[in-house]
């Protein structure tokens, strides 16, 4: 459904509500509920909404691609571990405002969170399924320097970051299936990952 790390901390709704056409977005939220019809409406889209959101998501994804390519080229001579740790560090700062809100409920500050140290912070994020999955897929994808990062990669990774940890079966393209299995994400989260929807028949 295209919801990755940001969605886990409420960014998705914030993005939609800051749209240039809030009345269309509000309509989506009113229609969507947990009923079968609501879920169908969410997946198939609301008239007049899909194209606008798609354009905005593509704009954001292009910016993300540029940042990732710059980082990949800058850090290509570093070890994979350092690049992965840098990704966790980037996530920590990107989500700082959200983390501060949750820490405040426990009387803690963001500085105290950082004082846990690199090892504990990385361990913390590895135990957040959505974030752990995103980091594993994104860093492994970036290892292939001959493969240009695309906006489709952004959408695939954000979707799979939610799907792999929380779905019983996931169907995706062969490239990301190979990456996920190589990183043992299927075993870690008990998820069957397929490359062909026809494979679902054998599971029914």
C-alpha atoms as a PDB file:
ATOM      1  CA  UNK A   1       0.000   0.000   0.000  1.00  0.00           C
ATOM      2  CA  UNK A   2       3.002   2.278  -0.293  1.00  0.00           C
ATOM      3  CA  UNK A   3       3.374   2.910   3.443  1.00  0.00           C
ATOM      4  CA  UNK A   4       6.795   2.624   4.951  1.00  0.00           C
ATOM      5  CA  UNK A   5       8.702   4.141   7.855  1.00  0.00           C
ATOM      6  CA  UNK A   6       6.864   7.449   7.669  1.00  0.00           C
ATOM      7  CA  UNK A   7       3.513   5.758   7.977  1.00  0.00           C
ATOM      8  CA  UNK A   8       4.565   4.053  11.189  1.00  0.00           C
ATOM      9  CA  UNK A   9       5.015   7.459  12.801  1.00  0.00           C
ATOM     10  CA  UNK A  10       2.054   9.270  11.265  1.00  0.00           C
ATOM     11  CA  UNK A  11       3.805  10.997   8.380  1.00  0.00           C
ATOM     12  CA  UNK A  12       1.453   9.594   5.760  1.00  0.00           C
ATOM     13  CA  UNK A  13      -1.573  11.418   7.116  1.00  0.00           C
ATOM     14  CA  UNK A  14       0.465  14.599   7.590  1.00  0.00           C
ATOM     15  CA  UNK A  15       1.559  14.417   3.947  1.00  0.00           C
ATOM     16  CA  UNK A  16      -1.975  13.933   2.685  1.00  0.00           C
ATOM     17  CA  UNK A  17      -3.482  16.686   4.803  1.00  0.00           C
ATOM     18  CA  UNK A  18      -0.864  19.145   3.502  1.00  0.00           C
ATOM     19  CA  UNK A  19      -1.975  18.409  -0.041  1.00  0.00           C
ATOM     20  CA  UNK A  20      -3.060  21.255  -2.323  1.00  0.00           C
ATOM     21  CA  UNK A  21      -6.520  19.650  -2.461  1.00  0.00           C
ATOM     22  CA  UNK A  22      -7.380  18.823   1.170  1.00  0.00           C
ATOM     23  CA  UNK A  23     -11.059  18.344   0.361  1.00  0.00           C
ATOM     24  CA  UNK A  24     -10.209  15.371  -1.857  1.00  0.00           C
ATOM     25  CA  UNK A  25      -7.912  13.917   0.776  1.00  0.00           C
ATOM     26  CA  UNK A  26     -10.487  14.458   3.500  1.00  0.00           C
ATOM     27  CA  UNK A  27     -12.977  12.561   1.383  1.00  0.00           C
ATOM     28  CA  UNK A  28     -10.591   9.620   1.283  1.00  0.00           C
ATOM     29  CA  UNK A  29     -10.291   9.555   5.067  1.00  0.00           C
ATOM     30  CA  UNK A  30     -14.079   9.727   5.437  1.00  0.00           C
ATOM     31  CA  UNK A  31     -14.596   6.822   3.049  1.00  0.00           C
ATOM     32  CA  UNK A  32     -11.861   4.592   4.394  1.00  0.00           C
ATOM     33  CA  UNK A  33     -12.739   2.414   7.353  1.00  0.00           C
ATOM     34  CA  UNK A  34     -12.121  -1.174   8.377  1.00  0.00           C
ATOM     35  CA  UNK A  35     -15.112  -2.559   6.494  1.00  0.00           C
ATOM     36  CA  UNK A  36     -14.671  -4.518   3.281  1.00  0.00           C
ATOM     37  CA  UNK A  37     -16.125  -1.663   1.227  1.00  0.00           C
ATOM     38  CA  UNK A  38     -13.884   0.875   2.958  1.00  0.00           C
ATOM     39  CA  UNK A  39     -10.748  -1.133   2.308  1.00  0.00           C
ATOM     40  CA  UNK A  40     -11.786  -1.637  -1.321  1.00  0.00           C
ATOM     41  CA  UNK A  41     -12.282   2.123  -1.727  1.00  0.00           C
ATOM     42  CA  UNK A  42      -8.863   2.764  -0.236  1.00  0.00           C
ATOM     43  CA  UNK A  43      -7.106   0.282  -2.511  1.00  0.00           C
ATOM     44  CA  UNK A  44      -8.900   1.266  -5.716  1.00  0.00           C
ATOM     45  CA  UNK A  45      -8.845   4.989  -5.012  1.00  0.00           C
ATOM     46  CA  UNK A  46     -11.348   7.799  -4.806  1.00  0.00           C
ATOM     47  CA  UNK A  47     -12.341   9.573  -7.988  1.00  0.00           C
ATOM     48  CA  UNK A  48     -10.194  12.647  -8.589  1.00  0.00           C
ATOM     49  CA  UNK A  49      -7.693  11.710  -5.899  1.00  0.00           C
ATOM     50  CA  UNK A  50      -5.341   9.118  -7.353  1.00  0.00           C
ATOM     51  CA  UNK A  51      -3.612  11.193 -10.023  1.00  0.00           C
ATOM     52  CA  UNK A  52      -2.892  14.105  -7.692  1.00  0.00           C
ATOM     53  CA  UNK A  53      -1.436  11.947  -4.948  1.00  0.00           C
ATOM     54  CA  UNK A  54       0.543   9.904  -7.462  1.00  0.00           C
ATOM     55  CA  UNK A  55       2.150  13.048  -8.879  1.00  0.00           C
ATOM     56  CA  UNK A  56       3.102  14.318  -5.426  1.00  0.00           C
ATOM     57  CA  UNK A  57       4.491  10.963  -4.380  1.00  0.00           C
ATOM     58  CA  UNK A  58       6.588  10.837  -7.553  1.00  0.00           C
ATOM     59  CA  UNK A  59       7.969  14.307  -6.836  1.00  0.00           C
ATOM     60  CA  UNK A  60       8.972  13.268  -3.330  1.00  0.00           C
ATOM     61  CA  UNK A  61      10.388   9.964  -4.557  1.00  0.00           C
ATOM     62  CA  UNK A  62      12.584  11.724  -7.119  1.00  0.00           C
ATOM     63  CA  UNK A  63      14.094  13.869  -4.370  1.00  0.00           C
ATOM     64  CA  UNK A  64      14.713  10.743  -2.287  1.00  0.00           C
ATOM     65  CA  UNK A  65      16.395   9.049  -5.257  1.00  0.00           C
ATOM     66  CA  UNK A  66      18.750  12.005  -5.727  1.00  0.00           C
ATOM     67  CA  UNK A  67      19.693  11.968  -2.030  1.00  0.00           C
ATOM     68  CA  UNK A  68      20.274   8.213  -2.077  1.00  0.00           C
ATOM     69  CA  UNK A  69      22.467   8.371  -5.167  1.00  0.00           C
ATOM     70  CA  UNK A  70      24.567  11.124  -3.599  1.00  0.00           C
ATOM     71  CA  UNK A  71      24.943   9.126  -0.397  1.00  0.00           C
ATOM     72  CA  UNK A  72      25.746   5.930  -2.289  1.00  0.00           C
ATOM     73  CA  UNK A  73      28.473   7.599  -4.332  1.00  0.00           C
ATOM     74  CA  UNK A  74      29.905   9.381  -1.308  1.00  0.00           C
ATOM     75  CA  UNK A  75      29.980   6.280   0.895  1.00  0.00           C
ATOM     76  CA  UNK A  76      30.816   3.626  -1.699  1.00  0.00           C
ATOM     77  CA  UNK A  77      34.330   3.176  -0.326  1.00  0.00           C
ATOM     78  CA  UNK A  78      33.053   2.602   3.205  1.00  0.00           C
ATOM     79  CA  UNK A  79      32.146  -0.827   4.569  1.00  0.00           C
ATOM     80  CA  UNK A  80      28.586  -2.126   4.290  1.00  0.00           C
ATOM     81  CA  UNK A  81      28.292  -1.977   8.083  1.00  0.00           C
ATOM     82  CA  UNK A  82      29.174   1.712   8.152  1.00  0.00           C
ATOM     83  CA  UNK A  83      26.689   2.470   5.366  1.00  0.00           C
ATOM     84  CA  UNK A  84      23.964   0.561   7.173  1.00  0.00           C
ATOM     85  CA  UNK A  85      24.721   2.321  10.455  1.00  0.00           C
ATOM     86  CA  UNK A  86      24.551   5.655   8.631  1.00  0.00           C
ATOM     87  CA  UNK A  87      21.086   4.724   7.360  1.00  0.00           C
ATOM     88  CA  UNK A  88      19.920   4.009  10.916  1.00  0.00           C
ATOM     89  CA  UNK A  89      21.418   7.331  11.974  1.00  0.00           C
ATOM     90  CA  UNK A  90      19.572   9.161   9.209  1.00  0.00           C
ATOM     91  CA  UNK A  91      16.293   7.579  10.271  1.00  0.00           C
ATOM     92  CA  UNK A  92      16.901   8.627  13.875  1.00  0.00           C
ATOM     93  CA  UNK A  93      17.215  12.270  12.905  1.00  0.00           C
ATOM     94  CA  UNK A  94      14.436  12.200  10.320  1.00  0.00           C
ATOM     95  CA  UNK A  95      12.059  10.914  12.991  1.00  0.00           C
ATOM     96  CA  UNK A  96      13.381  13.139  15.765  1.00  0.00           C
ATOM     97  CA  UNK A  97      10.164  15.114  16.261  1.00  0.00           C
ATOM     98  CA  UNK A  98       8.058  11.942  16.439  1.00  0.00           C
ATOM     99  CA  UNK A  99      10.522  10.259  18.790  1.00  0.00           C
ATOM    100  CA  UNK A 100      10.481  13.307  21.076  1.00  0.00           C
ATOM    101  CA  UNK A 101       6.693  13.106  21.350  1.00  0.00           C
ATOM    102  CA  UNK A 102       6.771   9.476  22.444  1.00  0.00           C
ATOM    103  CA  UNK A 103       9.736   9.989  24.776  1.00  0.00           C
ATOM    104  CA  UNK A 104       7.916  12.850  26.497  1.00  0.00           C
ATOM    105  CA  UNK A 105       5.240  10.380  27.615  1.00  0.00           C
ATOM    106  CA  UNK A 106       7.955   8.669  29.646  1.00  0.00           C
ATOM    107  CA  UNK A 107       9.624  11.849  30.871  1.00  0.00           C
ATOM    108  CA  UNK A 108      12.625  11.340  28.583  1.00  0.00           C
ATOM    109  CA  UNK A 109      14.359  13.615  26.070  1.00  0.00           C
ATOM    110  CA  UNK A 110      15.832  13.033  22.632  1.00  0.00           C
ATOM    111  CA  UNK A 111      19.326  13.715  23.995  1.00  0.00           C
ATOM    112  CA  UNK A 112      18.817  10.925  26.518  1.00  0.00           C
ATOM    113  CA  UNK A 113      17.743   8.677  23.663  1.00  0.00           C
ATOM    114  CA  UNK A 114      20.979   9.432  21.804  1.00  0.00           C
ATOM    115  CA  UNK A 115      22.985   8.805  24.967  1.00  0.00           C
ATOM    116  CA  UNK A 116      22.068   5.134  24.631  1.00  0.00           C
ATOM    117  CA  UNK A 117      24.942   4.997  22.159  1.00  0.00           C
ATOM    118  CA  UNK A 118      25.296   3.619  18.644  1.00  0.00           C
ATOM    119  CA  UNK A 119      25.115  -0.039  19.567  1.00  0.00           C
ATOM    120  CA  UNK A 120      21.907   0.304  21.607  1.00  0.00           C
ATOM    121  CA  UNK A 121      20.259   2.639  19.090  1.00  0.00           C
ATOM    122  CA  UNK A 122      20.912   0.244  16.228  1.00  0.00           C
ATOM    123  CA  UNK A 123      19.619  -2.638  18.340  1.00  0.00           C
ATOM    124  CA  UNK A 124      16.498  -0.571  19.051  1.00  0.00           C
ATOM    125  CA  UNK A 125      15.791   0.050  15.367  1.00  0.00           C
ATOM    126  CA  UNK A 126      16.489  -3.567  14.439  1.00  0.00           C
ATOM    127  CA  UNK A 127      13.615  -4.497  16.716  1.00  0.00           C
ATOM    128  CA  UNK A 128      11.211  -2.190  14.851  1.00  0.00           C
ATOM    129  CA  UNK A 129      10.128  -4.507  11.998  1.00  0.00           C
ATOM    130  CA  UNK A 130       9.190  -1.813   9.472  1.00  0.00           C
ATOM    131  CA  UNK A 131      12.429   0.097   9.908  1.00  0.00           C
ATOM    132  CA  UNK A 132      14.630  -2.980  10.072  1.00  0.00           C
ATOM    133  CA  UNK A 133      13.112  -4.270   6.823  1.00  0.00           C
ATOM    134  CA  UNK A 134      13.537  -0.934   5.059  1.00  0.00           C
ATOM    135  CA  UNK A 135      17.175  -0.604   6.081  1.00  0.00           C
ATOM    136  CA  UNK A 136      18.021  -4.162   5.053  1.00  0.00           C
ATOM    137  CA  UNK A 137      16.358  -3.835   1.647  1.00  0.00           C
ATOM    138  CA  UNK A 138      17.643  -0.333   0.915  1.00  0.00           C
ATOM    139  CA  UNK A 139      21.251  -0.990   1.879  1.00  0.00           C
ATOM    140  CA  UNK A 140      21.354  -4.303   0.037  1.00  0.00           C
ATOM    141  CA  UNK A 141      19.819  -2.659  -3.039  1.00  0.00           C
ATOM    142  CA  UNK A 142      22.492   0.042  -2.925  1.00  0.00           C
ATOM    143  CA  UNK A 143      25.238  -2.578  -3.068  1.00  0.00           C
ATOM    144  CA  UNK A 144      24.584  -3.003  -6.779  1.00  0.00           C
ATOM    145  CA  UNK A 145      26.400   0.101  -8.011  1.00  0.00           C
ATOM    146  CA  UNK A 146      25.614  -0.742 -11.639  1.00  0.00           C
ATOM    147  CA  UNK A 147      21.871  -0.607 -10.947  1.00  0.00           C
ATOM    148  CA  UNK A 148      20.498   2.924 -10.967  1.00  0.00           C
ATOM    149  CA  UNK A 149      18.181   3.718  -8.059  1.00  0.00           C
ATOM    150  CA  UNK A 150      14.677   4.480  -9.356  1.00  0.00           C
ATOM    151  CA  UNK A 151      11.482   5.911  -7.948  1.00  0.00           C
ATOM    152  CA  UNK A 152       9.991   2.434  -8.308  1.00  0.00           C
ATOM    153  CA  UNK A 153      12.615   1.209  -5.840  1.00  0.00           C
ATOM    154  CA  UNK A 154      11.410   3.805  -3.336  1.00  0.00           C
ATOM    155  CA  UNK A 155       7.791   2.692  -3.660  1.00  0.00           C
ATOM    156  CA  UNK A 156       8.688  -1.009  -3.578  1.00  0.00           C
ATOM    157  CA  UNK A 157      10.829  -0.690  -0.482  1.00  0.00           C
ATOM    158  CA  UNK A 158       8.319   1.399   1.470  1.00  0.00           C
ATOM    159  CA  UNK A 159       5.547  -1.051   0.596  1.00  0.00           C
ATOM    160  CA  UNK A 160       7.604  -4.140   1.370  1.00  0.00           C
ATOM    161  CA  UNK A 161       8.791  -2.630   4.649  1.00  0.00           C
ATOM    162  CA  UNK A 162       5.233  -2.976   5.897  1.00  0.00           C
ATOM    163  CA  UNK A 163       4.177  -6.060   3.937  1.00  0.00           C
ATOM    164  CA  UNK A 164       7.038  -8.408   4.754  1.00  0.00           C
ATOM    165  CA  UNK A 165       6.885  -8.090   8.562  1.00  0.00           C
ATOM    166  CA  UNK A 166       3.098  -8.118   8.835  1.00  0.00           C
ATOM    167  CA  UNK A 167       1.744 -10.268   6.003  1.00  0.00           C
ATOM    168  CA  UNK A 168       1.684 -14.046   5.740  1.00  0.00           C
ATOM    169  CA  UNK A 169       2.351 -13.965   1.997  1.00  0.00           C
ATOM    170  CA  UNK A 170       3.895 -11.243  -0.162  1.00  0.00           C
ATOM    171  CA  UNK A 171       4.076 -11.182  -3.965  1.00  0.00           C
ATOM    172  CA  UNK A 172       6.673  -8.857  -5.437  1.00  0.00           C
ATOM    173  CA  UNK A 173       9.184  -8.626  -8.266  1.00  0.00           C
ATOM    174  CA  UNK A 174      12.059 -11.089  -8.462  1.00  0.00           C
ATOM    175  CA  UNK A 175      14.719  -8.497  -7.678  1.00  0.00           C
ATOM    176  CA  UNK A 176      13.305  -7.609  -4.264  1.00  0.00           C
ATOM    177  CA  UNK A 177      12.302 -11.197  -3.569  1.00  0.00           C
ATOM    178  CA  UNK A 178      15.958 -12.158  -3.976  1.00  0.00           C
ATOM    179  CA  UNK A 179      17.100  -9.289  -1.744  1.00  0.00           C
ATOM    180  CA  UNK A 180      14.603 -10.126   0.994  1.00  0.00           C
ATOM    181  CA  UNK A 181      15.442 -13.821   1.007  1.00  0.00           C
ATOM    182  CA  UNK A 182      19.173 -13.077   0.881  1.00  0.00           C
ATOM    183  CA  UNK A 183      18.745 -11.025   4.065  1.00  0.00           C
ATOM    184  CA  UNK A 184      16.588 -13.803   5.611  1.00  0.00           C
ATOM    185  CA  UNK A 185      13.656 -11.426   6.075  1.00  0.00           C
ATOM    186  CA  UNK A 186      11.249 -14.186   5.081  1.00  0.00           C
ATOM    187  CA  UNK A 187      12.521 -16.425   7.877  1.00  0.00           C
ATOM    188  CA  UNK A 188      12.795 -13.616  10.408  1.00  0.00           C
ATOM    189  CA  UNK A 189       9.163 -12.578  10.000  1.00  0.00           C
ATOM    190  CA  UNK A 190       7.683 -15.923   8.945  1.00  0.00           C
ATOM    191  CA  UNK A 191       6.591 -14.582   5.575  1.00  0.00           C
ATOM    192  CA  UNK A 192       6.265 -16.453   2.289  1.00  0.00           C
ATOM    193  CA  UNK A 193       7.641 -14.247  -0.494  1.00  0.00           C
ATOM    194  CA  UNK A 194       6.619 -15.066  -4.068  1.00  0.00           C
ATOM    195  CA  UNK A 195       7.437 -13.624  -7.478  1.00  0.00           C
ATOM    196  CA  UNK A 196       4.275 -14.822  -9.186  1.00  0.00           C
ATOM    197  CA  UNK A 197       0.695 -14.367  -8.024  1.00  0.00           C
ATOM    198  CA  UNK A 198      -0.116 -17.823  -9.395  1.00  0.00           C
ATOM    199  CA  UNK A 199       1.857 -19.224  -6.495  1.00  0.00           C
ATOM    200  CA  UNK A 200      -0.983 -18.184  -4.208  1.00  0.00           C
ATOM    201  CA  UNK A 201      -3.112 -21.010  -5.576  1.00  0.00           C
ATOM    202  CA  UNK A 202      -0.892 -23.610  -3.917  1.00  0.00           C
ATOM    203  CA  UNK A 203      -1.269 -21.830  -0.579  1.00  0.00           C
ATOM    204  CA  UNK A 204      -5.059 -21.687  -0.523  1.00  0.00           C
END
